[in-house]
Each structure stands twice: as structure tokens, then as C-alpha cells.
Amino acid sequence: MDLTTFIIAFVSIFVIVNPISGLFTFMSMSSGYPQKTKNMYAKKSVLLAMAMAMFFAVAGSLVLSIFNISIDMLRIAGGMILLSVGFKMMTAKVNSVVSSTEVSDSVDKDFWVFPIATPLLCGPGTISTVIVLTGGLTIGDVLAVLVAIALVYAIAYLMFRSSEAISRRLSYTGMLVITRLLGLLLAAIAVGMILAGVESFVTNLLRNLLSEFIEPLSSTVAAANAAAATYAATAAGEAAAVYASEAATYAAVYAGEAATYATAYAGEVATYAAAYAGEAVTYATAYVSEVAEYAAAEAGTNT
């Protein structure tokens, strides 16, 4: 689990959930109830909101794919929603997402569902934020986002349980000051989301446009390379055939000349051999005659 991812997710989710903003509505709608009942409503509203946020954090990409919505579109749309909420928070419109008429209509109903759980604790801004935060992340990073969601809603639950103590120690003016500071931080986060979405969208658009021109060019270059390779192979084959024919011709000529020289040299050798053989016979005959005469003379002398 990446600590940086956890910190970014925690700050972003805490700012957009803004438990202080929902605290006013919860206090006003739960007034007159015993503390035990208030704690029950606080627990139920926080658990429902946390379940919704975790669902969209895990299955948000699937929901986007079903409706054919890209993460860049959600970044831009969610950033605009967060920017609007942040601007209203900076102008001290704490519960701007729920009108006073809706609040009064929900007092005698399950007010912990609407408007406490949704849209105050988990509205469009929270849903878009958790989907953007988990888009394209690894399992470990998604786990870090889920832990951040659980921690944010745990803080919201503790604040709702301690609503009476918080209201006594923190005046209405103090809550408005904190809300305005959180609104400024939320607006900055929203601008970052919008810029990231626009940048990614424009980059993908330019990449697609360039690919439409590059692919035909690549096909043309590939065809030209194939033609060049074919021409080179043909030229190499023709050159090899021509050189082979010339080599065969030269080989035949050289072989004929070599045979002629060999025949002439063989004739000369035979002539020299015959001459040397005749001389050898003459010398041998003369030597034999001399030996015979010498032997006859020696024989006469002995007699």
C-alpha cells in the first residue's frame, strides 16, 4: 500500500465529504431525539455513505465502461462539480446541495438516508472523486483508497456522535471559517482534476489524429521497403547469373589453355626423355663393350 496514494486519497475524500458541512443538517434534523437514537442514526447514515463510496471505488470502472464513459470525461465533469461545491463552501453556503424544503420534508422520514447519507456524505462529488482516485491503480493502491475512505467516514461518525460537544466548543462562526478553508482546498483539487482530464483528453485526441496520418504513411513506407527488397533480390539474382556465366566462360578458356600448355609440355618432356634414353643406351653399350674387352684382355694375360 503506497503511503502517498493514501495521503492524497484521504485529503481529497475528507475535503469533498466535509463532515462539518453535514454536521449542521444532522444536528437540526436529529434535535429532540435522545442521544442513543442520535448515535444510531449517525451510525446508519455513515455506514450507508461509506458502503456507497466503497462500491463506486471498487466497481466504478465497470460502471464507466457500461455507460461508455472514459476516466478523462469523469475527471472533467467531477472537477466541475467539485469546483462548484468548493465555490459555494467558500461563500459559506454550507448545505447548498440540499434545499431547506427537502430537509423539512425528510424530518419525519428516514432522514439518515436522505439527505444525510446521500447526498451530504456521499454525493456526486464523492462518487466521482473515488472513481477518479481508483482509476488505473494497482490492487495495493485501491486498498489504500479504501482505507482512506474508511478513515474519513470513521472521523465523520465520531463527529456526528459528538455533535453536541462540537457545537458547544466550536461556534457557528468557527464552523464557517473551517468550511471556507476546506472549500478553498477543494476548489484547488477540482482545478487539478479538470486540468489532468483536459490534458489526458487532448493528448489522446492528438495521438489518435496523428495515428490516422502515420498509419497510411507507415503502410507506404512498408510497401516501398518491400519493393526495394524485391528489386534488390532480383538485381542480385541477375548479377549472380551474369557473373556465373562469365566465370564459366573464363574457366573454360583457362582450362583449354591449361590443356594446351600441358600437351605441349608433355611432348617436350617425351622428346627429352627419348633423347636421354638414346644417349643412355649408347653409353651403356659402349661401357659394356669396354668391360668385355677388358675382361678378354685379363683372361688372355692369365693364360
C-alpha atoms as a PDB file:
ATOM      1  CA  MET A   1       0.000   0.000   0.000  1.00  0.00           C
ATOM      2  CA  ASP A   2       1.518   3.298  -1.138  1.00  0.00           C
ATOM      3  CA  LEU A   3       1.598   5.973   1.594  1.00  0.00           C
ATOM      4  CA  THR A   4       1.493   8.805  -0.969  1.00  0.00           C
ATOM      5  CA  THR A   5      -1.632   7.374  -2.575  1.00  0.00           C
ATOM      6  CA  PHE A   6      -3.242   7.014   0.851  1.00  0.00           C
ATOM      7  CA  ILE A   7      -2.485  10.625   1.843  1.00  0.00           C
ATOM      8  CA  ILE A   8      -3.768  12.054  -1.455  1.00  0.00           C
ATOM      9  CA  ALA A   9      -6.923   9.931  -1.252  1.00  0.00           C
ATOM     10  CA  PHE A  10      -7.557  10.807   2.393  1.00  0.00           C
ATOM     11  CA  VAL A  11      -7.197  14.564   1.868  1.00  0.00           C
ATOM     12  CA  SER A  12      -9.323  14.557  -1.305  1.00  0.00           C
ATOM     13  CA  ILE A  13     -12.121  12.440   0.169  1.00  0.00           C
ATOM     14  CA  PHE A  14     -12.142  14.258   3.510  1.00  0.00           C
ATOM     15  CA  VAL A  15     -12.424  17.635   1.814  1.00  0.00           C
ATOM     16  CA  ILE A  16     -15.243  16.585  -0.516  1.00  0.00           C
ATOM     17  CA  VAL A  17     -17.165  14.660   2.190  1.00  0.00           C
ATOM     18  CA  ASN A  18     -16.651  17.570   4.601  1.00  0.00           C
ATOM     19  CA  PRO A  19     -18.294  16.129   7.730  1.00  0.00           C
ATOM     20  CA  ILE A  20     -18.517  19.631   9.206  1.00  0.00           C
ATOM     21  CA  SER A  21     -20.904  20.583   6.418  1.00  0.00           C
ATOM     22  CA  GLY A  22     -23.226  17.672   7.185  1.00  0.00           C
ATOM     23  CA  LEU A  23     -22.985  18.265  10.909  1.00  0.00           C
ATOM     24  CA  PHE A  24     -25.316  21.285  10.763  1.00  0.00           C
ATOM     25  CA  THR A  25     -28.045  19.332   8.982  1.00  0.00           C
ATOM     26  CA  PHE A  26     -27.646  16.304  11.236  1.00  0.00           C
ATOM     27  CA  MET A  27     -27.906  18.444  14.370  1.00  0.00           C
ATOM     28  CA  SER A  28     -31.008  20.248  13.143  1.00  0.00           C
ATOM     29  CA  MET A  29     -32.786  17.099  11.930  1.00  0.00           C
ATOM     30  CA  SER A  30     -31.931  15.000  14.991  1.00  0.00           C
ATOM     31  CA  SER A  31     -32.819  17.641  17.555  1.00  0.00           C
ATOM     32  CA  GLY A  32     -35.305  16.375  20.108  1.00  0.00           C
ATOM     33  CA  TYR A  33     -34.122  12.759  19.807  1.00  0.00           C
ATOM     34  CA  PRO A  34     -32.353  11.067  22.721  1.00  0.00           C
ATOM     35  CA  GLN A  35     -28.581  10.630  22.433  1.00  0.00           C
ATOM     36  CA  LYS A  36     -28.903   6.902  21.843  1.00  0.00           C
ATOM     37  CA  THR A  37     -31.193   7.481  18.869  1.00  0.00           C
ATOM     38  CA  LYS A  38     -28.860  10.143  17.509  1.00  0.00           C
ATOM     39  CA  ASN A  39     -25.940   7.722  17.720  1.00  0.00           C
ATOM     40  CA  MET A  40     -27.969   5.078  15.890  1.00  0.00           C
ATOM     41  CA  TYR A  41     -28.846   7.488  13.069  1.00  0.00           C
ATOM     42  CA  ALA A  42     -25.230   8.665  12.883  1.00  0.00           C
ATOM     43  CA  LYS A  43     -24.009   5.091  12.584  1.00  0.00           C
ATOM     44  CA  LYS A  44     -26.569   4.107   9.955  1.00  0.00           C
ATOM     45  CA  SER A  45     -26.010   7.213   7.797  1.00  0.00           C
ATOM     46  CA  VAL A  46     -22.206   6.906   7.907  1.00  0.00           C
ATOM     47  CA  LEU A  47     -22.247   3.168   7.139  1.00  0.00           C
ATOM     48  CA  LEU A  48     -24.571   3.689   4.171  1.00  0.00           C
ATOM     49  CA  ALA A  49     -22.447   6.521   2.792  1.00  0.00           C
ATOM     50  CA  MET A  50     -19.235   4.537   3.283  1.00  0.00           C
ATOM     51  CA  ALA A  51     -20.741   1.480   1.559  1.00  0.00           C
ATOM     52  CA  MET A  52     -21.750   3.613  -1.428  1.00  0.00           C
ATOM     53  CA  ALA A  53     -18.299   5.213  -1.661  1.00  0.00           C
ATOM     54  CA  MET A  54     -16.506   1.853  -1.443  1.00  0.00           C
ATOM     55  CA  PHE A  55     -18.822   0.331  -4.037  1.00  0.00           C
ATOM     56  CA  PHE A  56     -18.019   3.023  -6.587  1.00  0.00           C
ATOM     57  CA  ALA A  57     -14.331   2.880  -5.651  1.00  0.00           C
ATOM     58  CA  VAL A  58     -14.234  -0.837  -6.497  1.00  0.00           C
ATOM     59  CA  ALA A  59     -16.805  -1.085  -9.310  1.00  0.00           C
ATOM     60  CA  GLY A  60     -16.583   2.464 -10.646  1.00  0.00           C
ATOM     61  CA  SER A  61     -14.521   1.475 -13.690  1.00  0.00           C
ATOM     62  CA  LEU A  62     -17.081  -1.202 -14.577  1.00  0.00           C
ATOM     63  CA  VAL A  63     -19.905   1.321 -14.301  1.00  0.00           C
ATOM     64  CA  LEU A  64     -17.998   3.721 -16.558  1.00  0.00           C
ATOM     65  CA  SER A  65     -17.372   1.019 -19.154  1.00  0.00           C
ATOM     66  CA  ILE A  66     -21.062   0.061 -19.181  1.00  0.00           C
ATOM     67  CA  PHE A  67     -22.052   3.643 -19.956  1.00  0.00           C
ATOM     68  CA  ASN A  68     -19.034   4.147 -22.248  1.00  0.00           C
ATOM     69  CA  ILE A  69     -17.603   6.966 -20.130  1.00  0.00           C
ATOM     70  CA  SER A  70     -13.858   7.493 -20.073  1.00  0.00           C
ATOM     71  CA  ILE A  71     -11.958   8.373 -16.931  1.00  0.00           C
ATOM     72  CA  ASP A  72     -10.937  11.695 -18.525  1.00  0.00           C
ATOM     73  CA  MET A  73     -14.581  12.665 -19.023  1.00  0.00           C
ATOM     74  CA  LEU A  74     -15.257  11.827 -15.388  1.00  0.00           C
ATOM     75  CA  ARG A  75     -12.236  13.864 -14.264  1.00  0.00           C
ATOM     76  CA  ILE A  76     -13.528  16.922 -16.119  1.00  0.00           C
ATOM     77  CA  ALA A  77     -17.173  16.503 -15.033  1.00  0.00           C
ATOM     78  CA  GLY A  78     -16.253  15.610 -11.446  1.00  0.00           C
ATOM     79  CA  GLY A  79     -13.804  18.503 -11.287  1.00  0.00           C
ATOM     80  CA  MET A  80     -16.538  20.904 -12.362  1.00  0.00           C
ATOM     81  CA  ILE A  81     -18.872  19.540  -9.678  1.00  0.00           C
ATOM     82  CA  LEU A  82     -16.175  19.828  -7.017  1.00  0.00           C
ATOM     83  CA  LEU A  83     -15.309  23.333  -8.164  1.00  0.00           C
ATOM     84  CA  SER A  84     -18.947  24.363  -7.832  1.00  0.00           C
ATOM     85  CA  VAL A  85     -19.192  22.807  -4.356  1.00  0.00           C
ATOM     86  CA  GLY A  86     -15.909  24.390  -3.305  1.00  0.00           C
ATOM     87  CA  PHE A  87     -17.043  27.798  -4.512  1.00  0.00           C
ATOM     88  CA  LYS A  88     -20.288  27.504  -2.527  1.00  0.00           C
ATOM     89  CA  MET A  89     -18.320  26.393   0.538  1.00  0.00           C
ATOM     90  CA  MET A  90     -16.072  29.450   0.218  1.00  0.00           C
ATOM     91  CA  THR A  91     -19.152  31.654   0.123  1.00  0.00           C
ATOM     92  CA  ALA A  92     -20.362  29.963   3.344  1.00  0.00           C
ATOM     93  CA  LYS A  93     -23.243  28.108   1.688  1.00  0.00           C
ATOM     94  CA  VAL A  94     -22.668  25.055   3.812  1.00  0.00           C
ATOM     95  CA  ASN A  95     -25.534  22.766   2.792  1.00  0.00           C
ATOM     96  CA  SER A  96     -26.029  24.017  -0.734  1.00  0.00           C
ATOM     97  CA  VAL A  97     -26.563  20.533  -2.142  1.00  0.00           C
ATOM     98  CA  VAL A  98     -29.808  20.132  -0.149  1.00  0.00           C
ATOM     99  CA  SER A  99     -32.553  22.729  -0.067  1.00  0.00           C
ATOM    100  CA  SER A 100     -34.378  23.726   3.113  1.00  0.00           C
ATOM    101  CA  THR A 101     -37.621  22.347   1.659  1.00  0.00           C
ATOM    102  CA  GLU A 102     -36.044  18.911   1.179  1.00  0.00           C
ATOM    103  CA  VAL A 103     -34.709  18.992   4.712  1.00  0.00           C
ATOM    104  CA  SER A 104     -38.131  19.833   6.182  1.00  0.00           C
ATOM    105  CA  ASP A 105     -39.797  17.107   4.087  1.00  0.00           C
ATOM    106  CA  SER A 106     -37.347  14.496   5.390  1.00  0.00           C
ATOM    107  CA  VAL A 107     -37.613  15.231   9.128  1.00  0.00           C
ATOM    108  CA  ASP A 108     -40.397  12.721   9.752  1.00  0.00           C
ATOM    109  CA  LYS A 109     -38.932  10.157   7.328  1.00  0.00           C
ATOM    110  CA  ASP A 110     -35.644   8.285   7.172  1.00  0.00           C
ATOM    111  CA  PHE A 111     -33.579  11.454   7.180  1.00  0.00           C
ATOM    112  CA  TRP A 112     -30.406   9.441   7.829  1.00  0.00           C
ATOM    113  CA  VAL A 113     -30.722   8.152   4.238  1.00  0.00           C
ATOM    114  CA  PHE A 114     -31.676  11.439   2.625  1.00  0.00           C
ATOM    115  CA  PRO A 115     -30.191  13.955   2.940  1.00  0.00           C
ATOM    116  CA  ILE A 116     -27.562  12.808   5.471  1.00  0.00           C
ATOM    117  CA  ALA A 117     -26.095   9.668   3.838  1.00  0.00           C
ATOM    118  CA  THR A 118     -26.710  10.966   0.362  1.00  0.00           C
ATOM    119  CA  PRO A 119     -26.023  13.498  -0.940  1.00  0.00           C
ATOM    120  CA  LEU A 120     -24.314  15.157   2.050  1.00  0.00           C
ATOM    121  CA  LEU A 121     -21.870  12.368   2.976  1.00  0.00           C
ATOM    122  CA  CYS A 122     -21.773  10.619  -0.402  1.00  0.00           C
ATOM    123  CA  GLY A 123     -22.928  12.778  -3.271  1.00  0.00           C
ATOM    124  CA  PRO A 124     -21.905  13.130  -6.918  1.00  0.00           C
ATOM    125  CA  GLY A 125     -18.663  14.830  -5.933  1.00  0.00           C
ATOM    126  CA  THR A 126     -17.655  11.988  -3.611  1.00  0.00           C
ATOM    127  CA  ILE A 127     -18.604   9.326  -6.159  1.00  0.00           C
ATOM    128  CA  SER A 128     -16.670  10.953  -8.978  1.00  0.00           C
ATOM    129  CA  THR A 129     -13.697  11.546  -6.669  1.00  0.00           C
ATOM    130  CA  VAL A 130     -13.356   7.910  -5.563  1.00  0.00           C
ATOM    131  CA  ILE A 131     -13.759   6.653  -9.140  1.00  0.00           C
ATOM    132  CA  VAL A 132     -11.059   9.020 -10.383  1.00  0.00           C
ATOM    133  CA  LEU A 133      -8.761   8.096  -7.487  1.00  0.00           C
ATOM    134  CA  THR A 134      -9.010   4.352  -8.195  1.00  0.00           C
ATOM    135  CA  GLY A 135      -8.865   4.625 -11.982  1.00  0.00           C
ATOM    136  CA  GLY A 136      -5.902   2.663 -13.383  1.00  0.00           C
ATOM    137  CA  LEU A 137      -4.420   1.835  -9.963  1.00  0.00           C
ATOM    138  CA  THR A 138      -2.982  -1.445  -8.725  1.00  0.00           C
ATOM    139  CA  ILE A 139      -4.724  -3.586  -6.127  1.00  0.00           C
ATOM    140  CA  GLY A 140      -2.458  -2.196  -3.397  1.00  0.00           C
ATOM    141  CA  ASP A 141      -3.275   1.408  -4.323  1.00  0.00           C
ATOM    142  CA  VAL A 142      -7.010   0.638  -4.468  1.00  0.00           C
ATOM    143  CA  LEU A 143      -6.686  -0.852  -0.994  1.00  0.00           C
ATOM    144  CA  ALA A 144      -5.035   2.387   0.166  1.00  0.00           C
ATOM    145  CA  VAL A 145      -8.006   4.372  -1.208  1.00  0.00           C
ATOM    146  CA  LEU A 146     -10.464   2.051   0.589  1.00  0.00           C
ATOM    147  CA  VAL A 147      -8.599   2.512   3.867  1.00  0.00           C
ATOM    148  CA  ALA A 148      -8.715   6.289   3.348  1.00  0.00           C
ATOM    149  CA  ILE A 149     -12.479   6.096   2.737  1.00  0.00           C
ATOM    150  CA  ALA A 150     -12.983   4.060   5.924  1.00  0.00           C
ATOM    151  CA  LEU A 151     -10.884   6.525   7.950  1.00  0.00           C
ATOM    152  CA  VAL A 152     -12.762   9.561   6.614  1.00  0.00           C
ATOM    153  CA  TYR A 153     -16.160   8.080   7.466  1.00  0.00           C
ATOM    154  CA  ALA A 154     -14.884   6.940  10.873  1.00  0.00           C
ATOM    155  CA  ILE A 155     -14.000  10.575  11.578  1.00  0.00           C
ATOM    156  CA  ALA A 156     -17.442  11.630  10.304  1.00  0.00           C
ATOM    157  CA  TYR A 157     -19.087   9.112  12.631  1.00  0.00           C
ATOM    158  CA  LEU A 158     -17.134  10.388  15.634  1.00  0.00           C
ATOM    159  CA  MET A 159     -18.087  13.956  14.740  1.00  0.00           C
ATOM    160  CA  PHE A 160     -21.766  13.064  14.436  1.00  0.00           C
ATOM    161  CA  ARG A 161     -21.684  11.258  17.780  1.00  0.00           C
ATOM    162  CA  SER A 162     -20.020  14.295  19.342  1.00  0.00           C
ATOM    163  CA  SER A 163     -22.224  16.838  17.578  1.00  0.00           C
ATOM    164  CA  GLU A 164     -23.444  18.405  20.834  1.00  0.00           C
ATOM    165  CA  ALA A 165     -19.917  18.752  22.253  1.00  0.00           C
ATOM    166  CA  ILE A 166     -18.595  20.150  18.960  1.00  0.00           C
ATOM    167  CA  SER A 167     -21.397  22.706  18.763  1.00  0.00           C
ATOM    168  CA  ARG A 168     -20.624  23.856  22.314  1.00  0.00           C
ATOM    169  CA  ARG A 169     -16.845  24.180  21.739  1.00  0.00           C
ATOM    170  CA  LEU A 170     -16.948  25.414  18.147  1.00  0.00           C
ATOM    171  CA  SER A 171     -19.226  28.309  17.386  1.00  0.00           C
ATOM    172  CA  TYR A 172     -21.170  28.723  14.190  1.00  0.00           C
ATOM    173  CA  THR A 173     -18.637  31.290  13.014  1.00  0.00           C
ATOM    174  CA  GLY A 174     -15.777  28.873  13.641  1.00  0.00           C
ATOM    175  CA  MET A 175     -17.512  26.210  11.569  1.00  0.00           C
ATOM    176  CA  LEU A 176     -17.983  28.664   8.723  1.00  0.00           C
ATOM    177  CA  VAL A 177     -14.289  29.590   8.799  1.00  0.00           C
ATOM    178  CA  ILE A 178     -13.253  25.927   8.627  1.00  0.00           C
ATOM    179  CA  THR A 179     -15.781  25.314   5.885  1.00  0.00           C
ATOM    180  CA  ARG A 180     -14.396  28.184   3.795  1.00  0.00           C
ATOM    181  CA  LEU A 181     -10.833  26.907   4.189  1.00  0.00           C
ATOM    182  CA  LEU A 182     -11.916  23.418   3.153  1.00  0.00           C
ATOM    183  CA  GLY A 183     -13.778  24.954   0.214  1.00  0.00           C
ATOM    184  CA  LEU A 184     -10.587  26.662  -0.970  1.00  0.00           C
ATOM    185  CA  LEU A 185      -8.686  23.388  -0.757  1.00  0.00           C
ATOM    186  CA  LEU A 186     -11.499  21.578  -2.558  1.00  0.00           C
ATOM    187  CA  ALA A 187     -11.501  24.162  -5.361  1.00  0.00           C
ATOM    188  CA  ALA A 188      -7.741  23.658  -5.823  1.00  0.00           C
ATOM    189  CA  ILE A 189      -8.217  19.883  -6.021  1.00  0.00           C
ATOM    190  CA  ALA A 190     -11.047  20.391  -8.530  1.00  0.00           C
ATOM    191  CA  VAL A 191      -8.887  22.568 -10.782  1.00  0.00           C
ATOM    192  CA  GLY A 192      -6.173  19.882 -10.700  1.00  0.00           C
ATOM    193  CA  MET A 193      -8.698  17.214 -11.716  1.00  0.00           C
ATOM    194  CA  ILE A 194     -10.026  19.344 -14.578  1.00  0.00           C
ATOM    195  CA  LEU A 195      -6.534  20.131 -15.889  1.00  0.00           C
ATOM    196  CA  ALA A 196      -5.481  16.476 -15.661  1.00  0.00           C
ATOM    197  CA  GLY A 197      -8.621  15.384 -17.511  1.00  0.00           C
ATOM    198  CA  VAL A 198      -8.218  18.019 -20.240  1.00  0.00           C
ATOM    199  CA  GLU A 199      -4.526  17.237 -20.666  1.00  0.00           C
ATOM    200  CA  SER A 200      -5.121  13.499 -20.968  1.00  0.00           C
ATOM    201  CA  PHE A 201      -8.105  14.005 -23.279  1.00  0.00           C
ATOM    202  CA  VAL A 202      -6.193  16.352 -25.598  1.00  0.00           C
ATOM    203  CA  THR A 203      -3.164  14.035 -25.594  1.00  0.00           C
ATOM    204  CA  ASN A 204      -5.270  11.020 -26.569  1.00  0.00           C
ATOM    205  CA  LEU A 205      -7.088  13.073 -29.213  1.00  0.00           C
ATOM    206  CA  LEU A 206      -3.824  14.241 -30.788  1.00  0.00           C
ATOM    207  CA  ARG A 207      -2.441  10.702 -30.645  1.00  0.00           C
ATOM    208  CA  ASN A 208      -5.494   9.371 -32.470  1.00  0.00           C
ATOM    209  CA  LEU A 209      -5.328  12.118 -35.087  1.00  0.00           C
ATOM    210  CA  LEU A 210      -1.639  11.524 -35.684  1.00  0.00           C
ATOM    211  CA  SER A 211      -2.167   7.776 -35.912  1.00  0.00           C
ATOM    212  CA  GLU A 212      -4.654   8.354 -38.744  1.00  0.00           C
ATOM    213  CA  PHE A 213      -1.892  10.057 -40.755  1.00  0.00           C
ATOM    214  CA  ILE A 214       1.011   7.924 -39.573  1.00  0.00           C
ATOM    215  CA  GLU A 215      -0.599   4.563 -40.330  1.00  0.00           C
ATOM    216  CA  PRO A 216      -1.061   5.276 -44.089  1.00  0.00           C
ATOM    217  CA  LEU A 217       2.464   6.697 -44.196  1.00  0.00           C
ATOM    218  CA  SER A 218       3.796   3.624 -42.439  1.00  0.00           C
ATOM    219  CA  SER A 219       1.972   1.425 -44.952  1.00  0.00           C
ATOM    220  CA  THR A 220       3.500   3.384 -47.825  1.00  0.00           C
ATOM    221  CA  VAL A 221       6.971   3.125 -46.340  1.00  0.00           C
ATOM    222  CA  ALA A 222       6.493  -0.594 -45.757  1.00  0.00           C
ATOM    223  CA  ALA A 223       5.372  -1.070 -49.356  1.00  0.00           C
ATOM    224  CA  ALA A 224       8.365   0.927 -50.597  1.00  0.00           C
ATOM    225  CA  ASN A 225      10.713  -1.155 -48.447  1.00  0.00           C
ATOM    226  CA  ALA A 226       9.154  -4.351 -49.771  1.00  0.00           C
ATOM    227  CA  ALA A 227       9.517  -3.141 -53.369  1.00  0.00           C
ATOM    228  CA  ALA A 228      13.122  -2.156 -52.730  1.00  0.00           C
ATOM    229  CA  ALA A 229      13.853  -5.547 -51.205  1.00  0.00           C
ATOM    230  CA  THR A 230      12.251  -7.306 -54.184  1.00  0.00           C
ATOM    231  CA  TYR A 231      14.247  -5.184 -56.632  1.00  0.00           C
ATOM    232  CA  ALA A 232      17.449  -5.832 -54.704  1.00  0.00           C
ATOM    233  CA  ALA A 233      16.808  -9.579 -54.705  1.00  0.00           C
ATOM    234  CA  THR A 234      16.067  -9.551 -58.454  1.00  0.00           C
ATOM    235  CA  ALA A 235      19.162  -7.497 -59.204  1.00  0.00           C
ATOM    236  CA  ALA A 236      21.276  -9.778 -57.035  1.00  0.00           C
ATOM    237  CA  GLY A 237      19.918 -12.838 -58.853  1.00  0.00           C
ATOM    238  CA  GLU A 238      20.568 -11.335 -62.286  1.00  0.00           C
ATOM    239  CA  ALA A 239      24.049 -10.234 -61.271  1.00  0.00           C
ATOM    240  CA  ALA A 240      24.814 -13.669 -59.869  1.00  0.00           C
ATOM    241  CA  ALA A 241      23.646 -15.328 -63.119  1.00  0.00           C
ATOM    242  CA  VAL A 242      25.755 -12.974 -65.270  1.00  0.00           C
ATOM    243  CA  TYR A 243      28.835 -13.391 -63.097  1.00  0.00           C
ATOM    244  CA  ALA A 244      28.349 -17.169 -63.029  1.00  0.00           C
ATOM    245  CA  SER A 245      28.177 -17.283 -66.846  1.00  0.00           C
ATOM    246  CA  GLU A 246      31.282 -15.118 -67.198  1.00  0.00           C
ATOM    247  CA  ALA A 247      33.077 -17.225 -64.604  1.00  0.00           C
ATOM    248  CA  ALA A 248      32.183 -20.402 -66.511  1.00  0.00           C
ATOM    249  CA  THR A 249      33.453 -18.888 -69.768  1.00  0.00           C
ATOM    250  CA  TYR A 250      36.733 -17.792 -68.213  1.00  0.00           C
ATOM    251  CA  ALA A 251      37.060 -21.198 -66.563  1.00  0.00           C
ATOM    252  CA  ALA A 252      36.596 -22.971 -69.925  1.00  0.00           C
ATOM    253  CA  VAL A 253      39.129 -20.677 -71.628  1.00  0.00           C
ATOM    254  CA  TYR A 254      41.647 -21.119 -68.865  1.00  0.00           C
ATOM    255  CA  ALA A 255      41.034 -24.888 -68.876  1.00  0.00           C
ATOM    256  CA  GLY A 256      41.644 -25.037 -72.663  1.00  0.00           C
ATOM    257  CA  GLU A 257      44.835 -23.014 -72.378  1.00  0.00           C
ATOM    258  CA  ALA A 258      45.943 -25.167 -69.479  1.00  0.00           C
ATOM    259  CA  ALA A 259      45.317 -28.329 -71.526  1.00  0.00           C
ATOM    260  CA  THR A 260      47.273 -26.896 -74.484  1.00  0.00           C
ATOM    261  CA  TYR A 261      50.205 -25.964 -72.281  1.00  0.00           C
ATOM    262  CA  ALA A 262      50.013 -29.390 -70.612  1.00  0.00           C
ATOM    263  CA  THR A 263      50.046 -31.175 -74.009  1.00  0.00           C
ATOM    264  CA  ALA A 264      52.964 -29.097 -75.277  1.00  0.00           C
ATOM    265  CA  TYR A 265      54.884 -29.615 -72.057  1.00  0.00           C
ATOM    266  CA  ALA A 266      54.176 -33.351 -72.184  1.00  0.00           C
ATOM    267  CA  GLY A 267      55.514 -33.521 -75.785  1.00  0.00           C
ATOM    268  CA  GLU A 268      58.697 -31.689 -74.797  1.00  0.00           C
ATOM    269  CA  VAL A 269      59.128 -33.973 -71.822  1.00  0.00           C
ATOM    270  CA  ALA A 270      58.667 -37.054 -74.033  1.00  0.00           C
ATOM    271  CA  THR A 271      61.221 -35.728 -76.559  1.00  0.00           C
ATOM    272  CA  TYR A 272      63.754 -35.025 -73.838  1.00  0.00           C
ATOM    273  CA  ALA A 273      63.058 -38.426 -72.335  1.00  0.00           C
ATOM    274  CA  ALA A 274      63.620 -40.179 -75.691  1.00  0.00           C
ATOM    275  CA  ALA A 275      66.855 -38.260 -76.283  1.00  0.00           C
ATOM    276  CA  TYR A 276      68.107 -39.039 -72.819  1.00  0.00           C
ATOM    277  CA  ALA A 277      67.098 -42.700 -73.254  1.00  0.00           C
ATOM    278  CA  GLY A 278      69.052 -42.980 -76.570  1.00  0.00           C
ATOM    279  CA  GLU A 279      72.134 -41.420 -75.036  1.00  0.00           C
ATOM    280  CA  ALA A 280      71.812 -43.732 -72.035  1.00  0.00           C
ATOM    281  CA  VAL A 281      71.654 -46.784 -74.335  1.00  0.00           C
ATOM    282  CA  THR A 282      74.706 -45.596 -76.310  1.00  0.00           C
ATOM    283  CA  TYR A 283      76.679 -45.019 -73.153  1.00  0.00           C
ATOM    284  CA  ALA A 284      75.557 -48.345 -71.754  1.00  0.00           C
ATOM    285  CA  THR A 285      76.578 -50.207 -74.982  1.00  0.00           C
ATOM    286  CA  ALA A 286      79.968 -48.530 -75.048  1.00  0.00           C
ATOM    287  CA  TYR A 287      80.535 -49.290 -71.387  1.00  0.00           C
ATOM    288  CA  VAL A 288      79.535 -52.926 -71.849  1.00  0.00           C
ATOM    289  CA  SER A 289      81.919 -53.214 -74.858  1.00  0.00           C
ATOM    290  CA  GLU A 290      84.755 -51.738 -72.843  1.00  0.00           C
ATOM    291  CA  VAL A 291      84.030 -54.061 -69.961  1.00  0.00           C
ATOM    292  CA  ALA A 292      84.036 -57.078 -72.352  1.00  0.00           C
ATOM    293  CA  GLU A 293      87.334 -56.042 -73.950  1.00  0.00           C
ATOM    294  CA  TYR A 294      88.908 -55.507 -70.549  1.00  0.00           C
ATOM    295  CA  ALA A 295      87.670 -58.896 -69.412  1.00  0.00           C
ATOM    296  CA  ALA A 296      89.024 -60.621 -72.549  1.00  0.00           C
ATOM    297  CA  ALA A 297      92.408 -58.933 -72.100  1.00  0.00           C
ATOM    298  CA  GLU A 298      92.585 -60.031 -68.479  1.00  0.00           C
ATOM    299  CA  ALA A 299      91.687 -63.570 -69.491  1.00  0.00           C
ATOM    300  CA  GLY A 300      94.495 -63.652 -72.139  1.00  0.00           C
ATOM    301  CA  THR A 301      97.031 -62.421 -69.699  1.00  0.00           C
ATOM    302  CA  ASN A 302      96.243 -65.048 -67.188  1.00  0.00           C
ATOM    303  CA  THR A 303      96.613 -67.781 -69.762  1.00  0.00           C
END
